[in-house]
Every structure is written in structure tokens, then in C-alpha cells.
Amino acid sequence: MTYAPLASLHERRLINLKDAIERRGWIESLQCTEARLIEVMGVVGNSPEAVRLYLIQRDLGGSPHRPATRIGA
């Protein structure tokens, strides 16, 4: 079994959860759990950029529709 390099995962246009190796790569790359990845993809779809943006905004306390603001930044 060969493993796809992480760099090639970033070059892909859509996240494919059907492939276990690719799924693991995205989980590592996005630093989230498989359950969280599935949850977020249910909201924003399988675009890596949309998933990444959603995760970042949620981590900062915002939402995809209301970006987070940092006080004193």
C-alpha cells in the first residue's frame, strides 16, 4: 500500500472521504477529528478551502456568516 504525500492532498480540489488514506491525510492537515470533518463537510461541502475557513472561524468564535473579531488586534 502506498501513501499519498500530504502535498498532493493540498493540490486536490475536493475532499474525498471514501478513500481511507486521503481521509487520514485531510484529518492531519486540517487538525480535526474525523467526526468533526464529516460534520463540517455536511455544512459547507467538500471544498478544502471552505472546510478550512469554517474551522478557523469557529475556532476564533465567529461563524461563516459572521467573522470573528479580535479585540486589541
Protein backbone atom coordinates (compact mmCIF):
# COMPACT_ATOMS: atom_id res chain seq x y z
CA MET A 1 0.00 0.00 0.00
CA THR A 2 1.34 3.41 -0.92
CA TYR A 3 0.56 6.61 0.90
CA ALA A 4 -0.22 9.85 -0.90
CA PRO A 5 2.11 12.64 0.15
CA LEU A 6 0.38 15.41 2.09
CA ALA A 7 1.42 17.97 -0.52
CA SER A 8 -0.67 16.16 -3.12
CA LEU A 9 -3.69 16.31 -0.81
CA HIS A 10 -3.49 20.09 -0.72
CA GLU A 11 -3.45 20.18 -4.51
CA ARG A 12 -6.72 18.29 -4.80
CA ARG A 13 -9.82 20.33 -5.41
CA LEU A 14 -12.27 18.34 -3.28
CA ILE A 15 -12.07 16.28 -0.11
CA ASN A 16 -12.91 12.61 -0.71
CA LEU A 17 -13.83 10.74 2.46
CA LYS A 18 -14.29 7.41 0.67
CA ASP A 19 -10.52 6.85 0.44
CA ALA A 20 -9.14 5.99 3.90
CA ILE A 21 -5.64 7.26 3.15
CA GLU A 22 -6.88 10.55 1.77
CA ARG A 23 -9.30 10.93 4.70
CA ARG A 24 -6.44 10.45 7.18
CA GLY A 25 -4.37 13.00 5.30
CA TRP A 26 -7.10 15.61 5.46
CA ILE A 27 -7.70 14.94 9.16
CA GLU A 28 -3.99 15.51 9.83
CA SER A 29 -3.80 18.52 7.53
CA LEU A 30 -6.88 20.21 8.97
CA GLN A 31 -6.03 19.14 12.54
CA CYS A 32 -9.51 17.91 13.38
CA THR A 33 -11.21 14.63 14.15
CA GLU A 34 -12.91 12.51 11.53
CA ALA A 35 -16.28 13.22 13.14
CA ARG A 36 -15.60 16.98 13.03
CA LEU A 37 -14.54 16.79 9.37
CA ILE A 38 -17.73 14.93 8.45
CA GLU A 39 -19.81 17.43 10.44
CA VAL A 40 -18.20 20.45 8.79
CA MET A 41 -18.47 18.93 5.32
CA GLY A 42 -22.19 18.47 5.98
CA VAL A 43 -22.41 22.23 6.46
CA VAL A 44 -20.03 23.65 3.83
CA GLY A 45 -19.46 20.82 1.36
CA ASN A 46 -16.24 19.12 0.29
CA SER A 47 -14.17 22.14 -0.72
CA PRO A 48 -10.92 22.15 1.29
CA GLU A 49 -10.92 25.95 1.36
CA ALA A 50 -14.49 26.12 2.70
CA VAL A 51 -13.78 23.48 5.35
CA ARG A 52 -10.56 25.20 6.44
CA LEU A 53 -12.27 28.62 6.61
CA TYR A 54 -15.18 27.20 8.62
CA LEU A 55 -12.85 25.52 11.11
CA ILE A 56 -10.74 28.67 11.53
CA GLN A 57 -13.75 30.92 12.03
CA ARG A 58 -15.33 28.55 14.54
CA ASP A 59 -12.06 28.28 16.47
CA LEU A 60 -11.95 32.09 16.73
CA GLY A 61 -15.54 32.26 17.93
CA GLY A 62 -17.11 33.50 14.72
CA SER A 63 -19.30 31.86 12.17
CA PRO A 64 -19.12 31.51 8.40
CA HIS A 65 -21.70 34.30 8.17
CA ARG A 66 -20.28 36.48 10.94
CA PRO A 67 -16.47 36.54 11.03
CA ALA A 68 -14.79 36.57 14.42
CA THR A 69 -13.23 39.79 15.57
CA ARG A 70 -10.19 40.09 17.76
CA ILE A 71 -10.17 42.82 20.38
CA GLY A 72 -6.89 44.68 20.54
CA ALA A 73 -5.52 43.11 17.38
